[in-house]
PDB file of all heavy atoms in Angstrom:
ATOM      1  N   LYS A   1     -23.254   2.006  30.834  1.00  0.00           N
ATOM      2  CA  LYS A   1     -21.790   1.895  30.808  1.00  0.00           C
ATOM      3  C   LYS A   1     -21.331   0.831  29.821  1.00  0.00           C
ATOM      4  O   LYS A   1     -20.203   0.874  29.316  1.00  0.00           O
ATOM      5  CB  LYS A   1     -21.255   1.565  32.199  1.00  0.00           C
ATOM      6  CG  LYS A   1     -21.660   0.204  32.735  1.00  0.00           C
ATOM      7  CD  LYS A   1     -21.093  -0.054  34.131  1.00  0.00           C
ATOM      8  CE  LYS A   1     -21.505  -1.441  34.647  1.00  0.00           C
ATOM      9  NZ  LYS A   1     -20.989  -1.687  36.011  1.00  0.00           N
ATOM     10  N   ALA A   2     -22.202  -0.128  29.503  1.00  0.00           N
ATOM     11  CA  ALA A   2     -21.854  -1.202  28.576  1.00  0.00           C
ATOM     12  C   ALA A   2     -21.806  -0.720  27.128  1.00  0.00           C
ATOM     13  O   ALA A   2     -21.348  -1.450  26.248  1.00  0.00           O
ATOM     14  CB  ALA A   2     -22.844  -2.348  28.706  1.00  0.00           C
ATOM     15  N   LEU A   3     -22.271   0.498  26.878  1.00  0.00           N
ATOM     16  CA  LEU A   3     -22.198   1.041  25.522  1.00  0.00           C
ATOM     17  C   LEU A   3     -20.754   1.266  25.096  1.00  0.00           C
ATOM     18  O   LEU A   3     -20.418   1.168  23.915  1.00  0.00           O
ATOM     19  CB  LEU A   3     -22.975   2.365  25.435  1.00  0.00           C
ATOM     20  CG  LEU A   3     -24.486   2.266  25.653  1.00  0.00           C
ATOM     21  CD1 LEU A   3     -25.101   3.656  25.668  1.00  0.00           C
ATOM     22  CD2 LEU A   3     -25.135   1.406  24.565  1.00  0.00           C
ATOM     23  N   ALA A   4     -19.905   1.577  26.049  1.00  0.00           N
ATOM     24  CA  ALA A   4     -18.509   1.884  25.726  1.00  0.00           C
ATOM     25  C   ALA A   4     -17.518   0.893  26.310  1.00  0.00           C
ATOM     26  O   ALA A   4     -16.350   0.904  25.952  1.00  0.00           O
ATOM     27  CB  ALA A   4     -18.162   3.300  26.213  1.00  0.00           C
ATOM     28  N   ALA A   5     -17.972   0.044  27.216  1.00  0.00           N
ATOM     29  CA  ALA A   5     -17.073  -0.902  27.862  1.00  0.00           C
ATOM     30  C   ALA A   5     -17.680  -2.294  27.825  1.00  0.00           C
ATOM     31  O   ALA A   5     -18.900  -2.458  27.853  1.00  0.00           O
ATOM     32  CB  ALA A   5     -16.823  -0.487  29.319  1.00  0.00           C
ATOM     33  N   SER A   6     -16.826  -3.296  27.759  1.00  0.00           N
ATOM     34  CA  SER A   6     -17.283  -4.672  27.687  1.00  0.00           C
ATOM     35  C   SER A   6     -17.806  -5.144  29.045  1.00  0.00           C
ATOM     36  O   SER A   6     -17.099  -5.086  30.047  1.00  0.00           O
ATOM     37  CB  SER A   6     -16.133  -5.580  27.240  1.00  0.00           C
ATOM     38  OG  SER A   6     -16.535  -6.926  27.251  1.00  0.00           O
ATOM     39  N   THR A   7     -19.055  -5.578  29.061  1.00  0.00           N
ATOM     40  CA  THR A   7     -19.644  -6.173  30.283  1.00  0.00           C
ATOM     41  C   THR A   7     -20.367  -7.449  29.880  1.00  0.00           C
ATOM     42  O   THR A   7     -21.515  -7.678  30.246  1.00  0.00           O
ATOM     43  CB  THR A   7     -20.635  -5.196  30.949  1.00  0.00           C
ATOM     44  OG1 THR A   7     -21.689  -4.889  30.018  1.00  0.00           O
ATOM     45  CG2 THR A   7     -19.952  -3.912  31.376  1.00  0.00           C
ATOM     46  N   GLU A   8     -19.680  -8.283  29.096  1.00  0.00           N
ATOM     47  CA  GLU A   8     -20.301  -9.444  28.484  1.00  0.00           C
ATOM     48  C   GLU A   8     -20.914 -10.413  29.500  1.00  0.00           C
ATOM     49  O   GLU A   8     -21.874 -11.117  29.196  1.00  0.00           O
ATOM     50  CB  GLU A   8     -19.285 -10.177  27.603  1.00  0.00           C
ATOM     51  CG  GLU A   8     -19.361  -9.809  26.108  1.00  0.00           C
ATOM     52  CD  GLU A   8     -19.219  -8.318  25.813  1.00  0.00           C
ATOM     53  OE1 GLU A   8     -18.607  -7.596  26.612  1.00  0.00           O
ATOM     54  OE2 GLU A   8     -19.709  -7.867  24.768  1.00  0.00           O
ATOM     55  N   ALA A   9     -20.357 -10.462  30.721  1.00  0.00           N
ATOM     56  CA  ALA A   9     -20.896 -11.386  31.729  1.00  0.00           C
ATOM     57  C   ALA A   9     -22.347 -11.059  32.057  1.00  0.00           C
ATOM     58  O   ALA A   9     -23.126 -11.950  32.438  1.00  0.00           O
ATOM     59  CB  ALA A   9     -20.042 -11.342  32.992  1.00  0.00           C
ATOM     60  N   SER A  10     -22.730  -9.800  31.886  1.00  0.00           N
ATOM     61  CA  SER A  10     -24.089  -9.390  32.240  1.00  0.00           C
ATOM     62  C   SER A  10     -25.132 -10.006  31.316  1.00  0.00           C
ATOM     63  O   SER A  10     -26.322 -10.004  31.647  1.00  0.00           O
ATOM     64  CB  SER A  10     -24.200  -7.860  32.210  1.00  0.00           C
ATOM     65  OG  SER A  10     -23.871  -7.360  30.932  1.00  0.00           O
ATOM     66  N   GLU A  11     -24.722 -10.540  30.166  1.00  0.00           N
ATOM     67  CA  GLU A  11     -25.713 -11.108  29.254  1.00  0.00           C
ATOM     68  C   GLU A  11     -26.337 -12.391  29.804  1.00  0.00           C
ATOM     69  O   GLU A  11     -27.361 -12.848  29.317  1.00  0.00           O
ATOM     70  CB  GLU A  11     -25.102 -11.364  27.877  1.00  0.00           C
ATOM     71  CG  GLU A  11     -24.180 -12.538  27.778  1.00  0.00           C
ATOM     72  CD  GLU A  11     -23.744 -12.788  26.336  1.00  0.00           C
ATOM     73  OE1 GLU A  11     -23.319 -11.843  25.654  1.00  0.00           O
ATOM     74  OE2 GLU A  11     -23.831 -13.949  25.916  1.00  0.00           O
ATOM     75  N   ASP A  12     -25.723 -12.971  30.846  1.00  0.00           N
ATOM     76  CA  ASP A  12     -26.281 -14.169  31.482  1.00  0.00           C
ATOM     77  C   ASP A  12     -27.163 -13.838  32.681  1.00  0.00           C
ATOM     78  O   ASP A  12     -27.754 -14.733  33.280  1.00  0.00           O
ATOM     79  CB  ASP A  12     -25.150 -15.092  31.948  1.00  0.00           C
ATOM     80  CG  ASP A  12     -24.350 -15.672  30.794  1.00  0.00           C
ATOM     81  OD1 ASP A  12     -24.890 -15.718  29.667  1.00  0.00           O
ATOM     82  OD2 ASP A  12     -23.193 -16.064  31.011  1.00  0.00           O
ATOM     83  N   ASP A  13     -27.251 -12.548  33.034  1.00  0.00           N
ATOM     84  CA  ASP A  13     -27.936 -12.143  34.263  1.00  0.00           C
ATOM     85  C   ASP A  13     -29.433 -11.961  34.012  1.00  0.00           C
ATOM     86  O   ASP A  13     -29.906 -10.873  33.669  1.00  0.00           O
ATOM     87  CB  ASP A  13     -27.313 -10.844  34.792  1.00  0.00           C
ATOM     88  CG  ASP A  13     -27.721 -10.550  36.229  1.00  0.00           C
ATOM     89  OD1 ASP A  13     -28.791 -11.040  36.647  1.00  0.00           O
ATOM     90  OD2 ASP A  13     -26.976  -9.839  36.924  1.00  0.00           O
ATOM     91  N   THR A  14     -30.186 -13.023  34.200  1.00  0.00           N
ATOM     92  CA  THR A  14     -31.628 -12.959  33.953  1.00  0.00           C
ATOM     93  C   THR A  14     -32.361 -12.148  35.011  1.00  0.00           C
ATOM     94  O   THR A  14     -33.374 -11.503  34.714  1.00  0.00           O
ATOM     95  CB  THR A  14     -32.220 -14.376  33.881  1.00  0.00           C
ATOM     96  OG1 THR A  14     -31.918 -15.076  35.091  1.00  0.00           O
ATOM     97  CG2 THR A  14     -31.638 -15.144  32.706  1.00  0.00           C
ATOM     98  N   SER A  15     -31.863 -12.160  36.250  1.00  0.00           N
ATOM     99  CA  SER A  15     -32.525 -11.382  37.304  1.00  0.00           C
ATOM    100  C   SER A  15     -32.402  -9.892  37.024  1.00  0.00           C
ATOM    101  O   SER A  15     -33.351  -9.126  37.260  1.00  0.00           O
ATOM    102  CB  SER A  15     -31.935 -11.723  38.675  1.00  0.00           C
ATOM    103  OG  SER A  15     -30.546 -11.433  38.718  1.00  0.00           O
ATOM    104  N   LEU A  16     -31.259  -9.483  36.489  1.00  0.00           N
ATOM    105  CA  LEU A  16     -31.080  -8.076  36.136  1.00  0.00           C
ATOM    106  C   LEU A  16     -31.994  -7.700  34.978  1.00  0.00           C
ATOM    107  O   LEU A  16     -32.586  -6.612  34.966  1.00  0.00           O
ATOM    108  CB  LEU A  16     -29.624  -7.810  35.760  1.00  0.00           C
ATOM    109  CG  LEU A  16     -29.302  -6.378  35.305  1.00  0.00           C
ATOM    110  CD1 LEU A  16     -29.582  -5.383  36.428  1.00  0.00           C
ATOM    111  CD2 LEU A  16     -27.837  -6.272  34.866  1.00  0.00           C
ATOM    112  N   ALA A  17     -32.136  -8.602  34.021  1.00  0.00           N
ATOM    113  CA  ALA A  17     -33.020  -8.342  32.884  1.00  0.00           C
ATOM    114  C   ALA A  17     -34.446  -8.113  33.347  1.00  0.00           C
ATOM    115  O   ALA A  17     -35.122  -7.170  32.915  1.00  0.00           O
ATOM    116  CB  ALA A  17     -32.960  -9.515  31.910  1.00  0.00           C
ATOM    117  N   ILE A  18     -34.911  -8.969  34.247  1.00  0.00           N
ATOM    118  CA  ILE A  18     -36.282  -8.834  34.746  1.00  0.00           C
ATOM    119  C   ILE A  18     -36.437  -7.550  35.554  1.00  0.00           C
ATOM    120  O   ILE A  18     -37.452  -6.836  35.440  1.00  0.00           O
ATOM    121  CB  ILE A  18     -36.663 -10.070  35.576  1.00  0.00           C
ATOM    122  CG1 ILE A  18     -36.732 -11.292  34.659  1.00  0.00           C
ATOM    123  CG2 ILE A  18     -37.986  -9.860  36.290  1.00  0.00           C
ATOM    124  CD1 ILE A  18     -36.878 -12.607  35.380  1.00  0.00           C
ATOM    125  N   ALA A  19     -35.421  -7.213  36.338  1.00  0.00           N
ATOM    126  CA  ALA A  19     -35.477  -5.978  37.124  1.00  0.00           C
ATOM    127  C   ALA A  19     -35.569  -4.761  36.208  1.00  0.00           C
ATOM    128  O   ALA A  19     -36.324  -3.817  36.468  1.00  0.00           O
ATOM    129  CB  ALA A  19     -34.251  -5.875  38.026  1.00  0.00           C
ATOM    130  N   GLU A  20     -34.787  -4.775  35.129  1.00  0.00           N
ATOM    131  CA  GLU A  20     -34.764  -3.633  34.211  1.00  0.00           C
ATOM    132  C   GLU A  20     -36.083  -3.494  33.444  1.00  0.00           C
ATOM    133  O   GLU A  20     -36.596  -2.390  33.273  1.00  0.00           O
ATOM    134  CB  GLU A  20     -33.596  -3.769  33.236  1.00  0.00           C
ATOM    135  CG  GLU A  20     -32.234  -3.503  33.857  1.00  0.00           C
ATOM    136  CD  GLU A  20     -32.116  -2.086  34.393  1.00  0.00           C
ATOM    137  OE1 GLU A  20     -32.502  -1.131  33.688  1.00  0.00           O
ATOM    138  OE2 GLU A  20     -31.651  -1.923  35.535  1.00  0.00           O
ATOM    139  N   ILE A  21     -36.627  -4.612  32.977  1.00  0.00           N
ATOM    140  CA  ILE A  21     -37.880  -4.508  32.230  1.00  0.00           C
ATOM    141  C   ILE A  21     -39.040  -4.169  33.164  1.00  0.00           C
ATOM    142  O   ILE A  21     -39.978  -3.460  32.781  1.00  0.00           O
ATOM    143  CB  ILE A  21     -38.160  -5.804  31.431  1.00  0.00           C
ATOM    144  CG1 ILE A  21     -39.286  -5.593  30.417  1.00  0.00           C
ATOM    145  CG2 ILE A  21     -38.458  -6.973  32.338  1.00  0.00           C
ATOM    146  CD1 ILE A  21     -38.946  -4.708  29.265  1.00  0.00           C
ATOM    147  N   LYS A  22     -38.970  -4.622  34.409  1.00  0.00           N
ATOM    148  CA  LYS A  22     -40.012  -4.273  35.384  1.00  0.00           C
ATOM    149  C   LYS A  22     -40.079  -2.767  35.604  1.00  0.00           C
ATOM    150  O   LYS A  22     -41.166  -2.201  35.804  1.00  0.00           O
ATOM    151  CB  LYS A  22     -39.744  -4.970  36.720  1.00  0.00           C
ATOM    152  CG  LYS A  22     -40.320  -6.362  36.840  1.00  0.00           C
ATOM    153  CD  LYS A  22     -40.121  -6.907  38.242  1.00  0.00           C
ATOM    154  CE  LYS A  22     -40.773  -8.270  38.410  1.00  0.00           C
ATOM    155  NZ  LYS A  22     -40.579  -8.800  39.787  1.00  0.00           N
ATOM    156  N   LYS A  23     -38.900  -2.107  35.611  1.00  0.00           N
ATOM    157  CA  LYS A  23     -38.866  -0.653  35.799  1.00  0.00           C
ATOM    158  C   LYS A  23     -39.680   0.068  34.729  1.00  0.00           C
ATOM    159  O   LYS A  23     -40.238   1.133  34.971  1.00  0.00           O
ATOM    160  CB  LYS A  23     -37.424  -0.153  35.741  1.00  0.00           C
ATOM    161  CG  LYS A  23     -36.552  -0.532  36.922  1.00  0.00           C
ATOM    162  CD  LYS A  23     -35.148   0.006  36.717  1.00  0.00           C
ATOM    163  CE  LYS A  23     -34.192  -0.453  37.799  1.00  0.00           C
ATOM    164  NZ  LYS A  23     -32.796   0.014  37.522  1.00  0.00           N
ATOM    165  N   ARG A  24     -39.747  -0.513  33.539  1.00  0.00           N
ATOM    166  CA  ARG A  24     -40.468   0.129  32.433  1.00  0.00           C
ATOM    167  C   ARG A  24     -41.971  -0.111  32.506  1.00  0.00           C
ATOM    168  O   ARG A  24     -42.729   0.506  31.778  1.00  0.00           O
ATOM    169  CB  ARG A  24     -39.949  -0.380  31.085  1.00  0.00           C
ATOM    170  CG  ARG A  24     -38.454  -0.252  30.808  1.00  0.00           C
ATOM    171  CD  ARG A  24     -37.908   1.130  31.060  1.00  0.00           C
ATOM    172  NE  ARG A  24     -36.671   1.404  30.356  1.00  0.00           N
ATOM    173  CZ  ARG A  24     -35.457   1.017  30.740  1.00  0.00           C
ATOM    174  NH1 ARG A  24     -35.319   0.282  31.834  1.00  0.00           N
ATOM    175  NH2 ARG A  24     -34.384   1.363  30.061  1.00  0.00           N
ATOM    176  N   LYS A  25     -42.395  -1.056  33.350  1.00  0.00           N
ATOM    177  CA  LYS A  25     -43.814  -1.394  33.491  1.00  0.00           C
ATOM    178  C   LYS A  25     -44.466  -1.630  32.120  1.00  0.00           C
ATOM    179  O   LYS A  25     -45.402  -0.922  31.729  1.00  0.00           O
ATOM    180  CB  LYS A  25     -44.553  -0.289  34.251  1.00  0.00           C
ATOM    181  CG  LYS A  25     -44.056  -0.093  35.671  1.00  0.00           C
ATOM    182  CD  LYS A  25     -44.816   0.995  36.401  1.00  0.00           C
ATOM    183  CE  LYS A  25     -44.308   1.171  37.828  1.00  0.00           C
ATOM    184  NZ  LYS A  25     -45.011   2.247  38.556  1.00  0.00           N
ATOM    185  N   PRO A  26     -43.984  -2.627  31.392  1.00  0.00           N
ATOM    186  CA  PRO A  26     -44.539  -2.869  30.055  1.00  0.00           C
ATOM    187  C   PRO A  26     -46.007  -3.242  30.111  1.00  0.00           C
ATOM    188  O   PRO A  26     -46.449  -3.944  31.026  1.00  0.00           O
ATOM    189  CB  PRO A  26     -43.686  -4.036  29.538  1.00  0.00           C
ATOM    190  CG  PRO A  26     -43.208  -4.729  30.764  1.00  0.00           C
ATOM    191  CD  PRO A  26     -42.992  -3.639  31.775  1.00  0.00           C
ATOM    192  N   GLY A  27     -46.747  -2.736  29.122  1.00  0.00           N
ATOM    193  CA  GLY A  27     -48.175  -2.997  29.073  1.00  0.00           C
ATOM    194  C   GLY A  27     -48.630  -3.392  27.689  1.00  0.00           C
ATOM    195  O   GLY A  27     -47.821  -3.599  26.780  1.00  0.00           O
ATOM    196  N   LYS A  28     -49.939  -3.450  27.502  1.00  0.00           N
ATOM    197  CA  LYS A  28     -50.500  -3.988  26.266  1.00  0.00           C
ATOM    198  C   LYS A  28     -50.252  -3.095  25.047  1.00  0.00           C
ATOM    199  O   LYS A  28     -50.347  -3.578  23.906  1.00  0.00           O
ATOM    200  CB  LYS A  28     -52.003  -4.219  26.442  1.00  0.00           C
ATOM    201  CG  LYS A  28     -52.806  -2.945  26.686  1.00  0.00           C
ATOM    202  CD  LYS A  28     -54.286  -3.264  26.827  1.00  0.00           C
ATOM    203  CE  LYS A  28     -55.095  -1.989  27.015  1.00  0.00           C
ATOM    204  NZ  LYS A  28     -56.559  -2.268  27.123  1.00  0.00           N
ATOM    205  N   ASN A  29     -49.948  -1.812  25.254  1.00  0.00           N
ATOM    206  CA  ASN A  29     -49.703  -0.927  24.119  1.00  0.00           C
ATOM    207  C   ASN A  29     -48.223  -0.822  23.756  1.00  0.00           C
ATOM    208  O   ASN A  29     -47.868  -0.148  22.790  1.00  0.00           O
ATOM    209  CB  ASN A  29     -50.251   0.475  24.406  1.00  0.00           C
ATOM    210  CG  ASN A  29     -51.767   0.499  24.486  1.00  0.00           C
ATOM    211  OD1 ASN A  29     -52.441  -0.249  23.777  1.00  0.00           O
ATOM    212  ND2 ASN A  29     -52.302   1.330  25.359  1.00  0.00           N
ATOM    213  N   ASP A  30     -47.388  -1.469  24.532  1.00  0.00           N
ATOM    214  CA  ASP A  30     -45.949  -1.428  24.266  1.00  0.00           C
ATOM    215  C   ASP A  30     -45.529  -2.566  23.338  1.00  0.00           C
ATOM    216  O   ASP A  30     -46.230  -3.575  23.206  1.00  0.00           O
ATOM    217  CB  ASP A  30     -45.162  -1.539  25.579  1.00  0.00           C
ATOM    218  CG  ASP A  30     -45.414  -0.358  26.503  1.00  0.00           C
ATOM    219  OD1 ASP A  30     -45.486   0.774  26.005  1.00  0.00           O
ATOM    220  OD2 ASP A  30     -45.547  -0.579  27.725  1.00  0.00           O
ATOM    221  N   VAL A  31     -44.366  -2.384  22.711  1.00  0.00           N
ATOM    222  CA  VAL A  31     -43.740  -3.436  21.910  1.00  0.00           C
ATOM    223  C   VAL A  31     -42.320  -3.609  22.434  1.00  0.00           C
ATOM    224  O   VAL A  31     -41.556  -2.644  22.490  1.00  0.00           O
ATOM    225  CB  VAL A  31     -43.698  -3.082  20.409  1.00  0.00           C
ATOM    226  CG1 VAL A  31     -42.928  -4.155  19.631  1.00  0.00           C
ATOM    227  CG2 VAL A  31     -45.103  -2.920  19.854  1.00  0.00           C
ATOM    228  N   VAL A  32     -41.976  -4.813  22.838  1.00  0.00           N
ATOM    229  CA  VAL A  32     -40.610  -5.118  23.267  1.00  0.00           C
ATOM    230  C   VAL A  32     -39.951  -5.962  22.196  1.00  0.00           C
ATOM    231  O   VAL A  32     -40.461  -7.028  21.821  1.00  0.00           O
ATOM    232  CB  VAL A  32     -40.604  -5.858  24.621  1.00  0.00           C
ATOM    233  CG1 VAL A  32     -39.206  -6.396  24.939  1.00  0.00           C
ATOM    234  CG2 VAL A  32     -41.060  -4.914  25.733  1.00  0.00           C
ATOM    235  N   LEU A  33     -38.835  -5.458  21.678  1.00  0.00           N
ATOM    236  CA  LEU A  33     -38.126  -6.133  20.597  1.00  0.00           C
ATOM    237  C   LEU A  33     -36.783  -6.627  21.123  1.00  0.00           C
ATOM    238  O   LEU A  33     -35.897  -5.833  21.430  1.00  0.00           O
ATOM    239  CB  LEU A  33     -37.930  -5.167  19.413  1.00  0.00           C
ATOM    240  CG  LEU A  33     -37.545  -5.788  18.067  1.00  0.00           C
ATOM    241  CD1 LEU A  33     -37.903  -4.838  16.934  1.00  0.00           C
ATOM    242  CD2 LEU A  33     -36.067  -6.139  17.990  1.00  0.00           C
ATOM    243  N   GLY A  34     -36.644  -7.933  21.262  1.00  0.00           N
ATOM    244  CA  GLY A  34     -35.407  -8.524  21.756  1.00  0.00           C
ATOM    245  C   GLY A  34     -34.454  -8.820  20.614  1.00  0.00           C
ATOM    246  O   GLY A  34     -34.836  -9.456  19.627  1.00  0.00           O
TER     247      GLY A  34
END
């Protein structure tokens, strides 16, 4: 939803960031580009 609407407060939400990246189960063959 943030693609079309401003949700700037979410950029401070570190717990949400960890929850979202955990869903992807990143591993040794992945590349995460911040």
